[in-house]
């Protein structure tokens, strides 16, 4: 999947680059690219991952006007978006949710949890990490 980022319409000037809300899927067998769905807002510089081929998870990013510190979940079957409203107990007070963040790194481990590292807010370069158990991300009551 290609998710958001900066986009430039064919024939437009470089100064007209804008953040995109489009999500495209790429068939690795054929190389065919097709539109999948849209993000709730234009977004770039975020981290994203897929859980069990069922949920697309997105953290942070920017729309060019502000930095975000939220986690969004898209149900890949219905293409519906929800916002995480209940953080895991161990992340309450985490700096990941205190200021918006872009350019974090992300790694997924044994399909059991994900780890986001660093990134930067408008004023700070971070070197902390956030571990999110997939059990939390799958539970509908957390969104």
N, C-alpha and C. Protein backbone atom coordinates (compact mmCIF):
# COMPACT_ATOMS: atom_id res chain seq x y z
N UNK A 1 0.84 -1.18 0.00
CA UNK A 1 0.00 0.00 0.00
C UNK A 1 0.88 1.24 0.00
N UNK A 2 0.45 2.22 -0.73
CA UNK A 2 1.07 3.55 -0.73
C UNK A 2 0.08 4.47 -0.04
N UNK A 3 0.52 5.09 1.06
CA UNK A 3 -0.40 5.79 1.95
C UNK A 3 -0.02 7.26 2.06
N UNK A 4 -0.87 8.13 1.53
CA UNK A 4 -0.67 9.56 1.65
C UNK A 4 0.66 10.02 1.09
N UNK A 5 1.32 10.92 1.81
CA UNK A 5 2.57 11.49 1.35
C UNK A 5 2.34 12.75 0.55
N UNK A 6 3.35 13.18 -0.14
CA UNK A 6 3.23 14.38 -0.97
C UNK A 6 2.90 13.96 -2.39
N UNK A 7 2.06 14.76 -3.04
CA UNK A 7 1.63 14.43 -4.39
C UNK A 7 1.72 15.68 -5.27
N UNK A 8 2.03 15.45 -6.52
CA UNK A 8 2.09 16.52 -7.51
C UNK A 8 1.33 16.04 -8.73
N UNK A 9 0.30 16.78 -9.10
CA UNK A 9 -0.48 16.43 -10.27
C UNK A 9 0.37 16.54 -11.53
N UNK A 10 0.15 15.66 -12.47
CA UNK A 10 0.88 15.68 -13.74
C UNK A 10 0.69 17.05 -14.40
N UNK A 11 1.79 17.64 -14.83
CA UNK A 11 1.76 18.93 -15.50
C UNK A 11 1.79 20.13 -14.56
N UNK A 12 1.77 19.89 -13.24
CA UNK A 12 1.80 20.98 -12.27
C UNK A 12 3.22 21.39 -11.95
N UNK A 13 3.37 22.58 -11.42
CA UNK A 13 4.67 23.09 -11.00
C UNK A 13 5.04 22.51 -9.64
N UNK A 14 6.33 22.38 -9.39
CA UNK A 14 6.83 21.80 -8.14
C UNK A 14 6.30 22.54 -6.92
N UNK A 15 6.07 23.84 -7.04
CA UNK A 15 5.56 24.63 -5.91
C UNK A 15 4.14 24.22 -5.52
N UNK A 16 3.48 23.41 -6.33
CA UNK A 16 2.10 23.00 -6.07
C UNK A 16 2.00 21.64 -5.39
N UNK A 17 3.12 21.11 -4.92
CA UNK A 17 3.09 19.84 -4.19
C UNK A 17 2.23 20.00 -2.94
N UNK A 18 1.34 19.05 -2.71
CA UNK A 18 0.48 19.08 -1.53
C UNK A 18 0.45 17.69 -0.92
N UNK A 19 0.08 17.62 0.36
CA UNK A 19 -0.09 16.33 1.01
C UNK A 19 -1.35 15.67 0.47
N UNK A 20 -1.31 14.35 0.38
CA UNK A 20 -2.40 13.59 -0.22
C UNK A 20 -3.15 12.78 0.83
N UNK A 21 -4.43 12.51 0.55
CA UNK A 21 -5.22 11.62 1.40
C UNK A 21 -5.50 10.28 0.72
N UNK A 22 -4.85 10.03 -0.40
CA UNK A 22 -5.11 8.81 -1.16
C UNK A 22 -4.30 7.63 -0.63
N UNK A 23 -4.92 6.45 -0.67
CA UNK A 23 -4.23 5.20 -0.40
C UNK A 23 -4.37 4.33 -1.65
N UNK A 24 -3.23 3.88 -2.14
CA UNK A 24 -3.21 3.02 -3.31
C UNK A 24 -2.71 1.64 -2.90
N UNK A 25 -3.18 0.64 -3.60
CA UNK A 25 -2.67 -0.71 -3.40
C UNK A 25 -1.93 -1.12 -4.66
N UNK A 26 -0.84 -1.85 -4.46
CA UNK A 26 -0.02 -2.32 -5.57
C UNK A 26 -0.07 -3.84 -5.58
N UNK A 27 -0.46 -4.42 -6.69
CA UNK A 27 -0.44 -5.88 -6.84
C UNK A 27 1.00 -6.26 -7.18
N UNK A 28 1.64 -7.00 -6.30
CA UNK A 28 3.04 -7.34 -6.50
C UNK A 28 3.24 -8.33 -7.65
N UNK A 29 2.22 -9.08 -8.00
CA UNK A 29 2.34 -10.03 -9.11
C UNK A 29 2.31 -9.33 -10.47
N UNK A 30 1.42 -8.32 -10.59
CA UNK A 30 1.24 -7.67 -11.89
C UNK A 30 1.85 -6.27 -11.96
N UNK A 31 2.11 -5.67 -10.79
CA UNK A 31 2.59 -4.29 -10.76
C UNK A 31 1.48 -3.27 -10.93
N UNK A 32 0.23 -3.74 -11.02
CA UNK A 32 -0.91 -2.84 -11.20
C UNK A 32 -1.16 -2.04 -9.93
N UNK A 33 -1.35 -0.74 -10.10
CA UNK A 33 -1.65 0.17 -8.99
C UNK A 33 -3.11 0.60 -9.11
N UNK A 34 -3.85 0.50 -8.00
CA UNK A 34 -5.25 0.93 -8.01
C UNK A 34 -5.57 1.68 -6.73
N UNK A 35 -6.55 2.58 -6.82
CA UNK A 35 -6.98 3.34 -5.65
C UNK A 35 -7.68 2.39 -4.68
N UNK A 36 -7.33 2.46 -3.38
CA UNK A 36 -7.93 1.59 -2.38
C UNK A 36 -8.99 2.33 -1.56
N UNK A 37 -8.59 3.44 -0.94
CA UNK A 37 -9.52 4.27 -0.16
C UNK A 37 -8.82 5.59 0.15
N UNK A 38 -9.43 6.39 0.99
CA UNK A 38 -8.86 7.68 1.38
C UNK A 38 -8.61 7.73 2.87
N UNK A 39 -7.58 8.46 3.25
CA UNK A 39 -7.32 8.77 4.66
C UNK A 39 -8.38 9.77 5.14
N UNK A 40 -8.61 9.88 6.44
CA UNK A 40 -9.54 10.90 6.94
C UNK A 40 -9.05 12.33 6.67
N UNK A 41 -7.73 12.48 6.47
CA UNK A 41 -7.13 13.79 6.20
C UNK A 41 -5.87 13.56 5.38
N UNK A 42 -5.48 14.56 4.62
CA UNK A 42 -4.19 14.48 3.92
C UNK A 42 -3.10 14.25 4.97
N UNK A 43 -2.11 13.41 4.64
CA UNK A 43 -1.13 13.04 5.65
C UNK A 43 0.16 12.54 5.01
N UNK A 44 1.27 12.89 5.62
CA UNK A 44 2.57 12.39 5.21
C UNK A 44 3.48 12.30 6.43
N UNK A 45 4.64 11.67 6.29
CA UNK A 45 5.63 11.53 7.36
C UNK A 45 5.10 10.79 8.57
N UNK A 46 4.17 9.87 8.37
CA UNK A 46 3.58 9.05 9.43
C UNK A 46 4.22 7.66 9.38
N UNK A 47 3.88 6.82 10.35
CA UNK A 47 4.24 5.40 10.26
C UNK A 47 2.95 4.61 10.15
N UNK A 48 3.04 3.48 9.46
CA UNK A 48 1.84 2.67 9.27
C UNK A 48 2.23 1.20 9.23
N UNK A 49 1.27 0.36 9.55
CA UNK A 49 1.48 -1.09 9.49
C UNK A 49 0.13 -1.78 9.39
N UNK A 50 0.16 -3.03 9.00
CA UNK A 50 -1.06 -3.83 8.85
C UNK A 50 -1.01 -4.98 9.84
N UNK A 51 -2.15 -5.22 10.49
CA UNK A 51 -2.28 -6.32 11.44
C UNK A 51 -3.23 -7.36 10.87
N UNK A 52 -2.75 -8.60 10.76
CA UNK A 52 -3.57 -9.75 10.35
C UNK A 52 -4.31 -9.53 9.03
N UNK A 53 -3.80 -8.73 8.15
CA UNK A 53 -4.48 -8.41 6.88
C UNK A 53 -5.90 -7.90 7.12
N UNK A 54 -6.14 -7.34 8.30
CA UNK A 54 -7.48 -6.86 8.65
C UNK A 54 -7.49 -5.37 8.97
N UNK A 55 -6.44 -4.88 9.64
CA UNK A 55 -6.41 -3.48 10.05
C UNK A 55 -5.17 -2.78 9.54
N UNK A 56 -5.36 -1.58 9.05
CA UNK A 56 -4.26 -0.67 8.74
C UNK A 56 -4.18 0.31 9.89
N UNK A 57 -3.01 0.44 10.50
CA UNK A 57 -2.80 1.32 11.64
C UNK A 57 -1.86 2.44 11.21
N UNK A 58 -2.20 3.67 11.60
CA UNK A 58 -1.37 4.84 11.26
C UNK A 58 -1.14 5.65 12.52
N UNK A 59 0.12 6.04 12.75
CA UNK A 59 0.46 6.91 13.88
C UNK A 59 1.15 8.17 13.36
N UNK A 60 0.77 9.31 13.95
CA UNK A 60 1.48 10.57 13.72
C UNK A 60 1.36 11.09 12.31
N UNK A 61 2.34 11.90 11.93
CA UNK A 61 2.39 12.48 10.60
C UNK A 61 2.00 13.95 10.60
N UNK A 62 1.94 14.50 9.40
CA UNK A 62 1.59 15.91 9.22
C UNK A 62 0.76 16.08 7.96
N UNK A 63 -0.06 17.11 7.97
CA UNK A 63 -0.79 17.49 6.77
C UNK A 63 -0.20 18.78 6.16
N UNK A 64 0.96 19.16 6.67
CA UNK A 64 1.62 20.38 6.21
C UNK A 64 1.27 21.59 7.04
N UNK A 65 0.24 21.47 7.87
CA UNK A 65 -0.18 22.58 8.72
C UNK A 65 0.06 22.29 10.20
N UNK A 66 -0.04 21.01 10.58
CA UNK A 66 0.18 20.62 11.97
C UNK A 66 0.71 19.21 12.03
N UNK A 67 1.31 18.85 13.17
CA UNK A 67 1.79 17.49 13.43
C UNK A 67 0.72 16.78 14.25
N UNK A 68 0.52 15.48 13.98
CA UNK A 68 -0.48 14.69 14.68
C UNK A 68 0.17 13.72 15.65
N UNK A 69 -0.55 13.39 16.73
CA UNK A 69 -0.04 12.44 17.73
C UNK A 69 -1.04 11.33 17.99
N UNK A 70 -1.90 11.07 17.03
CA UNK A 70 -2.96 10.10 17.22
C UNK A 70 -2.68 8.80 16.48
N UNK A 71 -3.44 7.77 16.87
CA UNK A 71 -3.42 6.49 16.17
C UNK A 71 -4.79 6.29 15.53
N UNK A 72 -4.77 6.01 14.23
CA UNK A 72 -5.98 5.73 13.47
C UNK A 72 -5.96 4.27 13.05
N UNK A 73 -7.15 3.68 12.96
CA UNK A 73 -7.27 2.30 12.51
C UNK A 73 -8.30 2.23 11.39
N UNK A 74 -7.91 1.60 10.30
CA UNK A 74 -8.81 1.40 9.17
C UNK A 74 -9.13 -0.09 9.07
N UNK A 75 -10.41 -0.42 9.08
CA UNK A 75 -10.84 -1.79 8.83
C UNK A 75 -10.71 -1.99 7.32
N UNK A 76 -9.83 -2.87 6.89
CA UNK A 76 -9.53 -3.03 5.46
C UNK A 76 -10.71 -3.59 4.68
N UNK A 77 -11.60 -4.31 5.33
CA UNK A 77 -12.76 -4.85 4.62
C UNK A 77 -13.80 -3.77 4.36
N UNK A 78 -14.13 -2.97 5.38
CA UNK A 78 -15.17 -1.95 5.23
C UNK A 78 -14.60 -0.59 4.84
N UNK A 79 -13.28 -0.44 4.93
CA UNK A 79 -12.59 0.82 4.64
C UNK A 79 -13.10 1.96 5.54
N UNK A 80 -13.44 1.61 6.77
CA UNK A 80 -13.91 2.60 7.74
C UNK A 80 -12.81 2.91 8.74
N UNK A 81 -12.72 4.17 9.13
CA UNK A 81 -11.67 4.66 10.02
C UNK A 81 -12.21 4.92 11.41
N UNK A 82 -11.39 4.60 12.43
CA UNK A 82 -11.69 4.95 13.81
C UNK A 82 -10.42 5.48 14.47
N UNK A 83 -10.61 6.31 15.47
CA UNK A 83 -9.53 6.92 16.22
C UNK A 83 -9.35 6.17 17.53
N UNK A 84 -8.10 5.85 17.89
CA UNK A 84 -7.86 5.19 19.17
C UNK A 84 -8.17 6.19 20.28
N UNK A 85 -9.10 5.83 21.15
CA UNK A 85 -9.50 6.71 22.25
C UNK A 85 -9.02 6.20 23.60
N UNK A 86 -8.59 4.94 23.66
CA UNK A 86 -8.09 4.37 24.91
C UNK A 86 -6.68 3.85 24.69
N UNK A 87 -5.71 4.51 25.32
CA UNK A 87 -4.31 4.09 25.20
C UNK A 87 -4.05 2.90 26.11
N UNK A 88 -3.06 2.07 25.74
CA UNK A 88 -2.64 1.02 26.69
C UNK A 88 -2.17 1.69 27.98
N UNK A 89 -2.46 1.07 29.11
CA UNK A 89 -2.10 1.66 30.41
C UNK A 89 -0.64 2.08 30.48
N UNK A 90 0.26 1.26 29.92
CA UNK A 90 1.68 1.57 30.01
C UNK A 90 2.10 2.77 29.16
N UNK A 91 1.20 3.27 28.31
CA UNK A 91 1.53 4.42 27.47
C UNK A 91 0.87 5.72 27.94
N UNK A 92 0.06 5.65 28.98
CA UNK A 92 -0.56 6.87 29.49
C UNK A 92 0.54 7.81 29.97
N UNK A 93 0.52 9.02 29.46
CA UNK A 93 1.56 10.00 29.79
C UNK A 93 2.76 9.94 28.87
N UNK A 94 2.76 9.02 27.91
CA UNK A 94 3.88 8.91 26.97
C UNK A 94 4.03 10.17 26.14
N UNK A 95 5.27 10.55 25.86
CA UNK A 95 5.50 11.73 25.04
C UNK A 95 5.02 11.53 23.61
N UNK A 96 4.77 10.27 23.20
CA UNK A 96 4.23 10.02 21.87
C UNK A 96 2.84 10.63 21.71
N UNK A 97 2.14 10.88 22.81
CA UNK A 97 0.79 11.42 22.73
C UNK A 97 0.69 12.81 23.34
N UNK A 98 1.81 13.49 23.47
CA UNK A 98 1.79 14.84 24.04
C UNK A 98 2.03 15.93 23.02
N UNK A 99 2.78 15.61 22.00
CA UNK A 99 2.99 16.58 20.93
C UNK A 99 2.96 15.80 19.62
N UNK A 100 2.56 16.45 18.57
CA UNK A 100 2.52 15.77 17.28
C UNK A 100 3.91 15.32 16.89
N UNK A 101 3.98 14.30 16.06
CA UNK A 101 5.27 13.72 15.71
C UNK A 101 5.29 13.29 14.26
N UNK A 102 6.42 13.52 13.61
CA UNK A 102 6.63 13.04 12.26
C UNK A 102 7.91 12.21 12.22
N UNK A 103 8.05 11.44 11.17
CA UNK A 103 9.30 10.74 10.84
C UNK A 103 9.79 9.77 11.91
N UNK A 104 8.86 9.10 12.59
CA UNK A 104 9.26 8.02 13.49
C UNK A 104 9.66 6.82 12.65
N UNK A 105 10.38 5.89 13.25
CA UNK A 105 10.68 4.60 12.62
C UNK A 105 9.76 3.58 13.24
N UNK A 106 9.49 2.49 12.50
CA UNK A 106 8.57 1.49 13.01
C UNK A 106 9.08 0.10 12.66
N UNK A 107 8.90 -0.84 13.58
CA UNK A 107 9.23 -2.25 13.33
C UNK A 107 8.12 -3.10 13.93
N UNK A 108 7.82 -4.21 13.26
CA UNK A 108 6.79 -5.13 13.71
C UNK A 108 7.46 -6.44 14.11
N UNK A 109 7.03 -7.01 15.24
CA UNK A 109 7.68 -8.21 15.77
C UNK A 109 6.70 -9.37 15.91
N UNK A 110 6.96 -10.43 15.16
CA UNK A 110 6.21 -11.69 15.27
C UNK A 110 4.70 -11.48 15.30
N UNK A 111 4.25 -10.46 14.66
CA UNK A 111 2.82 -10.15 14.61
C UNK A 111 2.19 -10.06 15.99
N UNK A 112 3.00 -9.74 17.01
CA UNK A 112 2.50 -9.63 18.37
C UNK A 112 2.50 -8.20 18.90
N UNK A 113 3.45 -7.40 18.43
CA UNK A 113 3.50 -6.00 18.85
C UNK A 113 4.33 -5.21 17.86
N UNK A 114 4.15 -3.91 17.92
CA UNK A 114 4.92 -3.00 17.08
C UNK A 114 5.70 -2.05 17.96
N UNK A 115 6.79 -1.55 17.44
CA UNK A 115 7.63 -0.62 18.16
C UNK A 115 7.88 0.60 17.27
N UNK A 116 7.49 1.77 17.77
CA UNK A 116 7.78 3.03 17.08
C UNK A 116 8.93 3.70 17.82
N UNK A 117 9.88 4.23 17.08
CA UNK A 117 11.05 4.86 17.69
C UNK A 117 11.22 6.28 17.17
N UNK A 118 11.51 7.19 18.10
CA UNK A 118 11.95 8.53 17.77
C UNK A 118 10.98 9.34 16.95
N UNK A 119 11.54 10.05 15.99
CA UNK A 119 10.78 11.02 15.22
C UNK A 119 11.03 12.40 15.77
N UNK A 120 10.28 13.36 15.30
CA UNK A 120 10.46 14.71 15.82
C UNK A 120 9.14 15.45 15.87
N UNK A 121 9.05 16.34 16.85
CA UNK A 121 7.92 17.25 16.95
C UNK A 121 8.38 18.58 16.35
N UNK A 122 7.60 19.61 16.49
CA UNK A 122 7.98 20.90 15.94
C UNK A 122 9.25 21.45 16.60
N UNK A 123 9.49 21.08 17.88
CA UNK A 123 10.63 21.63 18.61
C UNK A 123 11.68 20.61 19.02
N UNK A 124 11.34 19.32 19.05
CA UNK A 124 12.22 18.34 19.68
C UNK A 124 12.48 17.15 18.74
N UNK A 125 13.74 16.71 18.70
CA UNK A 125 14.07 15.43 18.09
C UNK A 125 14.02 14.40 19.20
N UNK A 126 13.18 13.37 19.03
CA UNK A 126 12.96 12.38 20.08
C UNK A 126 13.83 11.15 19.89
N UNK A 127 14.18 10.48 21.00
CA UNK A 127 14.91 9.21 20.94
C UNK A 127 14.26 8.17 21.84
N UNK A 128 12.94 8.30 22.05
CA UNK A 128 12.21 7.35 22.89
C UNK A 128 11.51 6.32 22.00
N UNK A 129 10.84 5.36 22.62
CA UNK A 129 10.11 4.38 21.84
C UNK A 129 8.78 4.07 22.48
N UNK A 130 7.86 3.55 21.66
CA UNK A 130 6.52 3.18 22.09
C UNK A 130 6.28 1.74 21.61
N UNK A 131 5.86 0.88 22.52
CA UNK A 131 5.51 -0.50 22.17
C UNK A 131 3.99 -0.61 22.25
N UNK A 132 3.39 -1.06 21.15
CA UNK A 132 1.93 -1.22 21.09
C UNK A 132 1.61 -2.71 20.87
N UNK A 133 0.98 -3.37 21.84
CA UNK A 133 0.58 -4.76 21.63
C UNK A 133 -0.57 -4.83 20.62
N UNK A 134 -0.49 -5.78 19.70
CA UNK A 134 -1.53 -5.91 18.69
C UNK A 134 -2.87 -6.29 19.32
N UNK A 135 -2.85 -6.96 20.47
CA UNK A 135 -4.12 -7.28 21.14
C UNK A 135 -4.88 -5.99 21.45
N UNK A 136 -4.17 -4.93 21.82
CA UNK A 136 -4.80 -3.64 22.09
C UNK A 136 -5.36 -3.03 20.81
N UNK A 137 -4.60 -3.16 19.73
CA UNK A 137 -5.01 -2.54 18.47
C UNK A 137 -6.18 -3.27 17.82
N UNK A 138 -6.37 -4.54 18.13
CA UNK A 138 -7.49 -5.31 17.56
C UNK A 138 -8.79 -5.09 18.32
N UNK A 139 -8.69 -4.70 19.58
CA UNK A 139 -9.87 -4.58 20.44
C UNK A 139 -10.69 -3.33 20.07
N UNK A 140 -11.92 -3.55 19.62
CA UNK A 140 -12.78 -2.45 19.17
C UNK A 140 -13.10 -1.43 20.24
N UNK A 141 -13.16 -1.83 21.51
CA UNK A 141 -13.49 -0.89 22.58
C UNK A 141 -12.39 0.15 22.82
N UNK A 142 -11.21 -0.06 22.24
CA UNK A 142 -10.13 0.93 22.38
C UNK A 142 -10.22 2.02 21.32
N UNK A 143 -11.20 1.89 20.42
CA UNK A 143 -11.36 2.85 19.33
C UNK A 143 -12.74 3.44 19.33
